[in-house]
C-alpha atoms as a PDB file:
ATOM      1  CA  UNK A   1      -3.330  -9.745  11.187  1.00  0.00           C
ATOM      2  CA  UNK A   2      -2.366 -11.414   7.913  1.00  0.00           C
ATOM      3  CA  UNK A   3      -4.699 -11.208   4.646  1.00  0.00           C
ATOM      4  CA  UNK A   4      -5.830 -14.083   2.456  1.00  0.00           C
ATOM      5  CA  UNK A   5      -7.637 -13.945  -0.761  1.00  0.00           C
ATOM      6  CA  UNK A   6      -9.010 -17.360  -2.233  1.00  0.00           C
ATOM      7  CA  UNK A   7     -10.256 -17.716  -5.904  1.00  0.00           C
ATOM      8  CA  UNK A   8     -10.673 -14.115  -6.203  1.00  0.00           C
ATOM      9  CA  UNK A   9     -11.952 -13.024  -9.545  1.00  0.00           C
ATOM     10  CA  UNK A  10     -13.246  -9.427 -10.893  1.00  0.00           C
ATOM     11  CA  UNK A  11     -14.511  -7.854 -14.007  1.00  0.00           C
ATOM     12  CA  UNK A  12     -15.265  -4.388 -15.000  1.00  0.00           C
ATOM     13  CA  UNK A  13     -18.420  -4.940 -17.055  1.00  0.00           C
ATOM     14  CA  UNK A  14     -17.684  -7.909 -19.285  1.00  0.00           C
ATOM     15  CA  UNK A  15     -13.839  -7.328 -19.203  1.00  0.00           C
ATOM     16  CA  UNK A  16     -12.257  -9.788 -16.946  1.00  0.00           C
ATOM     17  CA  UNK A  17      -9.504  -8.019 -14.882  1.00  0.00           C
ATOM     18  CA  UNK A  18      -8.724 -10.949 -12.259  1.00  0.00           C
ATOM     19  CA  UNK A  19      -9.196 -14.406 -12.563  1.00  0.00           C
ATOM     20  CA  UNK A  20      -9.236 -17.014  -9.835  1.00  0.00           C
ATOM     21  CA  UNK A  21      -5.955 -15.704  -8.092  1.00  0.00           C
ATOM     22  CA  UNK A  22      -5.149 -16.534  -4.616  1.00  0.00           C
ATOM     23  CA  UNK A  23      -2.385 -15.661  -2.003  1.00  0.00           C
ATOM     24  CA  UNK A  24      -1.827 -15.692   1.766  1.00  0.00           C
ATOM     25  CA  UNK A  25      -0.121 -12.716   3.146  1.00  0.00           C
ATOM     26  CA  UNK A  26       1.270 -12.492   6.796  1.00  0.00           C
ATOM     27  CA  UNK A  27       1.969  -9.810   9.045  1.00  0.00           C
ATOM     28  CA  UNK A  28       5.189  -7.864   9.602  1.00  0.00           C
ATOM     29  CA  UNK A  29       6.257  -7.751   6.167  1.00  0.00           C
ATOM     30  CA  UNK A  30       6.099  -5.737   2.930  1.00  0.00           C
ATOM     31  CA  UNK A  31       4.484  -7.215  -0.166  1.00  0.00           C
ATOM     32  CA  UNK A  32       4.989  -5.602  -3.471  1.00  0.00           C
ATOM     33  CA  UNK A  33       2.681  -6.200  -6.278  1.00  0.00           C
ATOM     34  CA  UNK A  34       4.368  -5.983  -9.766  1.00  0.00           C
ATOM     35  CA  UNK A  35       3.333  -6.034 -13.311  1.00  0.00           C
ATOM     36  CA  UNK A  36       2.586  -3.887 -16.427  1.00  0.00           C
ATOM     37  CA  UNK A  37      -0.277  -1.430 -16.611  1.00  0.00           C
ATOM     38  CA  UNK A  38      -3.699  -3.116 -16.998  1.00  0.00           C
ATOM     39  CA  UNK A  39      -2.721  -6.481 -15.135  1.00  0.00           C
ATOM     40  CA  UNK A  40      -5.315  -5.691 -12.004  1.00  0.00           C
ATOM     41  CA  UNK A  41      -2.963  -4.303  -9.500  1.00  0.00           C
ATOM     42  CA  UNK A  42      -4.888  -1.161  -8.344  1.00  0.00           C
ATOM     43  CA  UNK A  43      -7.973  -3.587  -8.548  1.00  0.00           C
ATOM     44  CA  UNK A  44      -6.637  -5.928  -6.389  1.00  0.00           C
ATOM     45  CA  UNK A  45      -5.641  -3.469  -3.669  1.00  0.00           C
ATOM     46  CA  UNK A  46      -9.318  -1.879  -4.056  1.00  0.00           C
ATOM     47  CA  UNK A  47     -10.781  -5.335  -3.586  1.00  0.00           C
ATOM     48  CA  UNK A  48      -8.604  -5.916  -0.448  1.00  0.00           C
ATOM     49  CA  UNK A  49      -9.751  -2.720   0.929  1.00  0.00           C
ATOM     50  CA  UNK A  50     -13.436  -3.497   0.318  1.00  0.00           C
ATOM     51  CA  UNK A  51     -14.013  -0.856  -2.049  1.00  0.00           C
ATOM     52  CA  UNK A  52     -14.852  -3.289  -4.895  1.00  0.00           C
ATOM     53  CA  UNK A  53     -16.721  -6.510  -4.487  1.00  0.00           C
ATOM     54  CA  UNK A  54     -15.326  -9.640  -6.261  1.00  0.00           C
ATOM     55  CA  UNK A  55     -17.246 -11.517  -8.811  1.00  0.00           C
ATOM     56  CA  UNK A  56     -16.071 -14.645  -7.208  1.00  0.00           C
ATOM     57  CA  UNK A  57     -14.099 -15.654  -4.324  1.00  0.00           C
ATOM     58  CA  UNK A  58     -13.305 -14.170  -0.824  1.00  0.00           C
ATOM     59  CA  UNK A  59     -10.929 -11.933   1.164  1.00  0.00           C
ATOM     60  CA  UNK A  60     -10.223 -12.815   4.805  1.00  0.00           C
ATOM     61  CA  UNK A  61      -8.594 -10.699   7.486  1.00  0.00           C
ATOM     62  CA  UNK A  62      -7.486 -13.240   9.942  1.00  0.00           C
ATOM     63  CA  UNK A  63     -10.320 -15.548  10.059  1.00  0.00           C
ATOM     64  CA  UNK A  64     -13.068 -13.137   9.285  1.00  0.00           C
ATOM     65  CA  UNK A  65     -14.372 -12.319   5.933  1.00  0.00           C
ATOM     66  CA  UNK A  66     -13.848  -8.836   4.888  1.00  0.00           C
ATOM     67  CA  UNK A  67     -17.562  -8.547   3.491  1.00  0.00           C
ATOM     68  CA  UNK A  68     -18.831  -9.213   7.022  1.00  0.00           C
ATOM     69  CA  UNK A  69     -16.869  -6.740   8.910  1.00  0.00           C
ATOM     70  CA  UNK A  70     -18.982  -3.061   8.981  1.00  0.00           C
ATOM     71  CA  UNK A  71     -17.427   0.088   7.604  1.00  0.00           C
ATOM     72  CA  UNK A  72     -16.214   1.313  11.037  1.00  0.00           C
ATOM     73  CA  UNK A  73     -14.535  -2.254  11.764  1.00  0.00           C
ATOM     74  CA  UNK A  74     -12.696  -2.133   8.029  1.00  0.00           C
ATOM     75  CA  UNK A  75     -11.567   1.405   8.798  1.00  0.00           C
ATOM     76  CA  UNK A  76      -9.969   0.148  12.245  1.00  0.00           C
ATOM     77  CA  UNK A  77      -8.174  -2.348  10.563  1.00  0.00           C
ATOM     78  CA  UNK A  78      -7.346  -1.199   7.292  1.00  0.00           C
ATOM     79  CA  UNK A  79      -5.704   1.985   5.795  1.00  0.00           C
ATOM     80  CA  UNK A  80      -5.832   2.708   2.069  1.00  0.00           C
ATOM     81  CA  UNK A  81      -3.874   5.225   0.370  1.00  0.00           C
ATOM     82  CA  UNK A  82      -4.724   6.017  -3.398  1.00  0.00           C
ATOM     83  CA  UNK A  83      -2.064   6.863  -5.966  1.00  0.00           C
ATOM     84  CA  UNK A  84      -3.736  10.437  -6.146  1.00  0.00           C
ATOM     85  CA  UNK A  85      -4.775  12.478  -3.179  1.00  0.00           C
ATOM     86  CA  UNK A  86      -7.855  14.613  -3.187  1.00  0.00           C
ATOM     87  CA  UNK A  87      -6.834  17.950  -2.190  1.00  0.00           C
ATOM     88  CA  UNK A  88      -9.142  20.319  -0.065  1.00  0.00           C
ATOM     89  CA  UNK A  89      -8.582  23.556   1.873  1.00  0.00           C
ATOM     90  CA  UNK A  90      -8.354  21.723   5.051  1.00  0.00           C
ATOM     91  CA  UNK A  91      -5.182  22.331   7.074  1.00  0.00           C
ATOM     92  CA  UNK A  92      -2.787  19.581   7.568  1.00  0.00           C
ATOM     93  CA  UNK A  93      -3.674  19.170  11.209  1.00  0.00           C
ATOM     94  CA  UNK A  94      -7.401  18.801  10.497  1.00  0.00           C
ATOM     95  CA  UNK A  95      -6.822  16.220   7.692  1.00  0.00           C
ATOM     96  CA  UNK A  96      -4.702  14.042   9.993  1.00  0.00           C
ATOM     97  CA  UNK A  97      -7.327  14.175  12.587  1.00  0.00           C
ATOM     98  CA  UNK A  98      -9.713  12.453  10.175  1.00  0.00           C
ATOM     99  CA  UNK A  99      -7.349   9.459  10.559  1.00  0.00           C
ATOM    100  CA  UNK A 100      -8.339   9.325  14.133  1.00  0.00           C
ATOM    101  CA  UNK A 101     -12.312   8.876  13.134  1.00  0.00           C
ATOM    102  CA  UNK A 102     -12.400   5.123  13.281  1.00  0.00           C
ATOM    103  CA  UNK A 103     -11.506   5.253  16.868  1.00  0.00           C
ATOM    104  CA  UNK A 104     -12.966   8.477  17.897  1.00  0.00           C
ATOM    105  CA  UNK A 105     -15.190   8.778  20.817  1.00  0.00           C
ATOM    106  CA  UNK A 106     -16.507  11.889  22.753  1.00  0.00           C
ATOM    107  CA  UNK A 107     -13.927  11.363  25.451  1.00  0.00           C
ATOM    108  CA  UNK A 108     -10.927  10.906  22.861  1.00  0.00           C
ATOM    109  CA  UNK A 109     -10.326  14.277  21.254  1.00  0.00           C
ATOM    110  CA  UNK A 110      -7.240  15.204  23.638  1.00  0.00           C
ATOM    111  CA  UNK A 111      -5.686  11.995  22.969  1.00  0.00           C
ATOM    112  CA  UNK A 112      -6.135  12.226  19.117  1.00  0.00           C
ATOM    113  CA  UNK A 113      -4.783  15.920  18.927  1.00  0.00           C
ATOM    114  CA  UNK A 114      -1.726  14.585  21.001  1.00  0.00           C
ATOM    115  CA  UNK A 115      -1.514  11.510  18.443  1.00  0.00           C
ATOM    116  CA  UNK A 116      -1.623  13.899  15.600  1.00  0.00           C
ATOM    117  CA  UNK A 117       1.040  16.260  17.076  1.00  0.00           C
ATOM    118  CA  UNK A 118       3.322  13.224  17.886  1.00  0.00           C
ATOM    119  CA  UNK A 119       3.229  12.059  14.517  1.00  0.00           C
ATOM    120  CA  UNK A 120       3.922  15.296  13.035  1.00  0.00           C
ATOM    121  CA  UNK A 121       6.785  15.566  15.115  1.00  0.00           C
ATOM    122  CA  UNK A 122       8.002  11.879  14.277  1.00  0.00           C
ATOM    123  CA  UNK A 123       7.944  12.781  10.382  1.00  0.00           C
ATOM    124  CA  UNK A 124       9.385  16.093  10.894  1.00  0.00           C
ATOM    125  CA  UNK A 125       6.381  17.806   9.451  1.00  0.00           C
ATOM    126  CA  UNK A 126       5.644  19.887  12.311  1.00  0.00           C
ATOM    127  CA  UNK A 127       6.294  23.172  10.334  1.00  0.00           C
ATOM    128  CA  UNK A 128       3.361  22.009   8.072  1.00  0.00           C
ATOM    129  CA  UNK A 129       0.657  21.794  10.822  1.00  0.00           C
ATOM    130  CA  UNK A 130      -1.625  24.704   9.830  1.00  0.00           C
ATOM    131  CA  UNK A 131      -0.679  24.861   5.936  1.00  0.00           C
ATOM    132  CA  UNK A 132      -3.664  24.128   3.820  1.00  0.00           C
ATOM    133  CA  UNK A 133      -3.198  20.973   1.862  1.00  0.00           C
ATOM    134  CA  UNK A 134      -3.550  22.999  -1.375  1.00  0.00           C
ATOM    135  CA  UNK A 135      -0.094  24.516  -0.741  1.00  0.00           C
ATOM    136  CA  UNK A 136       1.980  21.498  -0.326  1.00  0.00           C
ATOM    137  CA  UNK A 137       4.293  19.890  -2.571  1.00  0.00           C
ATOM    138  CA  UNK A 138       3.672  16.348  -4.086  1.00  0.00           C
ATOM    139  CA  UNK A 139       6.174  14.730  -1.622  1.00  0.00           C
ATOM    140  CA  UNK A 140       4.879  16.527   1.465  1.00  0.00           C
ATOM    141  CA  UNK A 141       1.155  15.565   0.256  1.00  0.00           C
ATOM    142  CA  UNK A 142       2.258  11.988   0.083  1.00  0.00           C
ATOM    143  CA  UNK A 143       3.954  11.934   3.318  1.00  0.00           C
ATOM    144  CA  UNK A 144       0.887  13.555   4.860  1.00  0.00           C
ATOM    145  CA  UNK A 145      -1.448  10.942   3.228  1.00  0.00           C
ATOM    146  CA  UNK A 146       0.747   8.290   4.959  1.00  0.00           C
ATOM    147  CA  UNK A 147       0.690   9.967   8.273  1.00  0.00           C
ATOM    148  CA  UNK A 148      -3.031   9.966   8.272  1.00  0.00           C
ATOM    149  CA  UNK A 149      -2.910   6.201   7.379  1.00  0.00           C
ATOM    150  CA  UNK A 150      -0.411   5.478  10.239  1.00  0.00           C
ATOM    151  CA  UNK A 151      -2.782   7.399  12.456  1.00  0.00           C
ATOM    152  CA  UNK A 152      -5.678   5.242  11.945  1.00  0.00           C
ATOM    153  CA  UNK A 153      -3.500   2.611  13.672  1.00  0.00           C
ATOM    154  CA  UNK A 154      -4.518  -0.242  10.975  1.00  0.00           C
ATOM    155  CA  UNK A 155      -3.325  -3.469  10.814  1.00  0.00           C
ATOM    156  CA  UNK A 156      -3.059  -3.754   7.064  1.00  0.00           C
ATOM    157  CA  UNK A 157      -1.727  -0.735   4.949  1.00  0.00           C
ATOM    158  CA  UNK A 158      -2.717  -0.721   1.519  1.00  0.00           C
ATOM    159  CA  UNK A 159      -0.774   1.548  -0.957  1.00  0.00           C
ATOM    160  CA  UNK A 160      -1.423   2.302  -4.626  1.00  0.00           C
ATOM    161  CA  UNK A 161       1.677   3.457  -6.040  1.00  0.00           C
ATOM    162  CA  UNK A 162       3.036   5.487  -2.888  1.00  0.00           C
ATOM    163  CA  UNK A 163       5.947   6.821  -4.901  1.00  0.00           C
ATOM    164  CA  UNK A 164       4.349   7.821  -8.197  1.00  0.00           C
ATOM    165  CA  UNK A 165       5.457  11.381  -9.276  1.00  0.00           C
ATOM    166  CA  UNK A 166       7.952  11.787  -6.447  1.00  0.00           C
ATOM    167  CA  UNK A 167      11.700  12.551  -6.937  1.00  0.00           C
ATOM    168  CA  UNK A 168      14.309   9.954  -6.051  1.00  0.00           C
ATOM    169  CA  UNK A 169      14.926  11.636  -2.589  1.00  0.00           C
ATOM    170  CA  UNK A 170      11.117  11.597  -1.752  1.00  0.00           C
ATOM    171  CA  UNK A 171      10.833   8.039  -2.870  1.00  0.00           C
ATOM    172  CA  UNK A 172      13.441   6.709  -0.672  1.00  0.00           C
ATOM    173  CA  UNK A 173      12.094   8.975   2.347  1.00  0.00           C
ATOM    174  CA  UNK A 174       8.469   7.521   1.769  1.00  0.00           C
ATOM    175  CA  UNK A 175       9.560   4.004   1.391  1.00  0.00           C
ATOM    176  CA  UNK A 176      11.831   4.338   4.470  1.00  0.00           C
ATOM    177  CA  UNK A 177       8.719   5.686   6.380  1.00  0.00           C
ATOM    178  CA  UNK A 178       6.423   2.661   5.052  1.00  0.00           C
ATOM    179  CA  UNK A 179       9.218   0.090   5.991  1.00  0.00           C
ATOM    180  CA  UNK A 180       9.805   1.479   9.461  1.00  0.00           C
ATOM    181  CA  UNK A 181       6.128   1.498  10.385  1.00  0.00           C
ATOM    182  CA  UNK A 182       5.471  -1.734   8.941  1.00  0.00           C
ATOM    183  CA  UNK A 183       8.185  -3.346  11.230  1.00  0.00           C
ATOM    184  CA  UNK A 184       7.394  -1.198  14.308  1.00  0.00           C
ATOM    185  CA  UNK A 185       3.532  -1.947  14.194  1.00  0.00           C
ATOM    186  CA  UNK A 186       3.808  -5.471  12.588  1.00  0.00           C
ATOM    187  CA  UNK A 187       1.599  -4.392   9.759  1.00  0.00           C
ATOM    188  CA  UNK A 188       0.665  -6.289   6.562  1.00  0.00           C
ATOM    189  CA  UNK A 189       1.784  -3.705   3.948  1.00  0.00           C
ATOM    190  CA  UNK A 190       0.925  -4.508   0.268  1.00  0.00           C
ATOM    191  CA  UNK A 191       2.246  -1.960  -2.198  1.00  0.00           C
ATOM    192  CA  UNK A 192       1.556  -1.622  -6.106  1.00  0.00           C
ATOM    193  CA  UNK A 193       4.762  -0.327  -7.521  1.00  0.00           C
ATOM    194  CA  UNK A 194       6.124   0.207 -10.875  1.00  0.00           C
ATOM    195  CA  UNK A 195       9.869   0.555 -10.058  1.00  0.00           C
ATOM    196  CA  UNK A 196      11.215  -2.886  -9.610  1.00  0.00           C
ATOM    197  CA  UNK A 197      14.475  -1.506  -8.152  1.00  0.00           C
ATOM    198  CA  UNK A 198      12.636   0.329  -5.637  1.00  0.00           C
ATOM    199  CA  UNK A 199      10.570  -3.018  -4.637  1.00  0.00           C
ATOM    200  CA  UNK A 200      13.745  -5.061  -4.635  1.00  0.00           C
ATOM    201  CA  UNK A 201      15.341  -2.432  -2.240  1.00  0.00           C
ATOM    202  CA  UNK A 202      12.297  -2.472   0.491  1.00  0.00           C
ATOM    203  CA  UNK A 203       9.864  -5.455  -0.201  1.00  0.00           C
ATOM    204  CA  UNK A 204      10.530  -8.896   1.276  1.00  0.00           C
ATOM    205  CA  UNK A 205       7.702 -10.531  -0.649  1.00  0.00           C
ATOM    206  CA  UNK A 206       6.536 -10.030  -4.104  1.00  0.00           C
ATOM    207  CA  UNK A 207       3.165 -10.904  -6.155  1.00  0.00           C
ATOM    208  CA  UNK A 208       3.834 -10.892  -9.910  1.00  0.00           C
ATOM    209  CA  UNK A 209       0.618 -10.403 -11.964  1.00  0.00           C
ATOM    210  CA  UNK A 210       0.186 -11.063 -15.606  1.00  0.00           C
ATOM    211  CA  UNK A 211      -2.684 -11.826 -17.732  1.00  0.00           C
ATOM    212  CA  UNK A 212      -5.149 -11.566 -14.971  1.00  0.00           C
ATOM    213  CA  UNK A 213      -3.342 -14.255 -12.985  1.00  0.00           C
ATOM    214  CA  UNK A 214      -0.602 -14.480 -10.530  1.00  0.00           C
ATOM    215  CA  UNK A 215       2.546 -15.490 -12.502  1.00  0.00           C
ATOM    216  CA  UNK A 216       4.306 -16.065  -9.031  1.00  0.00           C
ATOM    217  CA  UNK A 217       4.370 -15.229  -5.701  1.00  0.00           C
ATOM    218  CA  UNK A 218       6.961 -15.584  -2.809  1.00  0.00           C
ATOM    219  CA  UNK A 219      10.178 -14.175  -1.489  1.00  0.00           C
ATOM    220  CA  UNK A 220      13.511 -12.980  -3.393  1.00  0.00           C
ATOM    221  CA  UNK A 221      13.669 -16.597  -4.673  1.00  0.00           C
ATOM    222  CA  UNK A 222      11.012 -15.811  -7.412  1.00  0.00           C
ATOM    223  CA  UNK A 223      12.691 -12.637  -8.571  1.00  0.00           C
ATOM    224  CA  UNK A 224      14.286 -14.206 -11.424  1.00  0.00           C
ATOM    225  CA  UNK A 225      15.724 -12.819 -14.770  1.00  0.00           C
ATOM    226  CA  UNK A 226      13.201 -15.400 -16.437  1.00  0.00           C
ATOM    227  CA  UNK A 227      10.070 -14.412 -14.240  1.00  0.00           C
ATOM    228  CA  UNK A 228      10.780 -10.677 -14.719  1.00  0.00           C
ATOM    229  CA  UNK A 229      11.505 -10.937 -18.535  1.00  0.00           C
ATOM    230  CA  UNK A 230       7.989 -12.797 -18.631  1.00  0.00           C
ATOM    231  CA  UNK A 231       6.437 -10.151 -16.636  1.00  0.00           C
ATOM    232  CA  UNK A 232       7.297  -7.178 -18.550  1.00  0.00           C
ATOM    233  CA  UNK A 233       7.962  -8.760 -21.948  1.00  0.00           C
ATOM    234  CA  UNK A 234      11.385  -7.277 -22.334  1.00  0.00           C
ATOM    235  CA  UNK A 235      14.703  -9.146 -21.672  1.00  0.00           C
ATOM    236  CA  UNK A 236      15.731  -8.310 -18.307  1.00  0.00           C
ATOM    237  CA  UNK A 237      18.902  -9.051 -16.150  1.00  0.00           C
ATOM    238  CA  UNK A 238      19.349  -9.466 -12.378  1.00  0.00           C
ATOM    239  CA  UNK A 239      22.501  -8.265 -10.955  1.00  0.00           C
ATOM    240  CA  UNK A 240      24.242  -7.314  -7.721  1.00  0.00           C
ATOM    241  CA  UNK A 241      25.036  -3.649  -6.635  1.00  0.00           C
ATOM    242  CA  UNK A 242      26.712  -4.271  -3.419  1.00  0.00           C
ATOM    243  CA  UNK A 243      24.132  -5.798  -1.010  1.00  0.00           C
ATOM    244  CA  UNK A 244      21.457  -4.965  -3.251  1.00  0.00           C
ATOM    245  CA  UNK A 245      19.590  -6.908  -5.865  1.00  0.00           C
ATOM    246  CA  UNK A 246      18.923  -4.861  -9.071  1.00  0.00           C
ATOM    247  CA  UNK A 247      17.405  -5.225 -12.362  1.00  0.00           C
ATOM    248  CA  UNK A 248      18.023  -3.796 -15.764  1.00  0.00           C
ATOM    249  CA  UNK A 249      17.234  -4.578 -19.473  1.00  0.00           C
ATOM    250  CA  UNK A 250      19.825  -7.025 -20.797  1.00  0.00           C
END
C-alpha cells in the first residue's frame, strides 16, 4: 500500500511547522526524510501515523483517507516506532505480544504466541524472551521495538530516528533488519534520519525538508552536493567510496 500526502500543513500553536507539502510514496521502498533539526521531520511522521491532525491537506493510504479509518484499521496498516521507547517492567515476550493486538481474536492466541517466538528466532533474540525491558541495552531495545512493529504485519512502517544513540554495529544491524523486512513484505517504509551516509547506504528515495517545505524529493538523482549544501547550510561534497555514494564537508 502506498502513501500520499497532499497540500499538508501543520502548526504548533501559532508556529507554522509544515506549509503545503505534497508527495506520493509507493510500496516496497525505503524513504529517508532528511533535514536539520526543527524542519518538521518528526511532525510529518506523526501526521502520517495519525497521531496529529493537519491544519490543512490530507493523508491517503492507498485510496482511503487516513482520517476516515478507525484506530484499529490504522493499527492494522501502520506501525510507528518513536525515537525514544517507553520502558516498562514487561517482559520482552509480553511486549512483543502487544504487536499482535490489532489482529487479536479470542481464537488467535496460539498463533500470536508462535509468531512472537518465530520473530525472536528470526532476529536472534530468543535469549531475551523473558528479560524485562528495563534490563535491555539501547541496541537490544531498538531491535525489540522494531520486532513489535514487524509483528503488527503493517503495510506502512514509520520510523523516527531508528538509529539514534546506537553504536555503528547496531546502526547497521537495525538498518539491515528494516531493509530486509521492507523488501520481503513490500512495505512503504519512511525513516527520519540525521546520518546522511546511512541514508545513502540503505534508502532508495529521499525527501529533503527545509523551511517548512520540501526542498526536493526523489531518488538518488536529487542527492546532489548543491541540494545537500543548501539543506544543511554547509558546504558538502558527494564522492564515491567503492559502490557507495558518500557525503562529507568540502
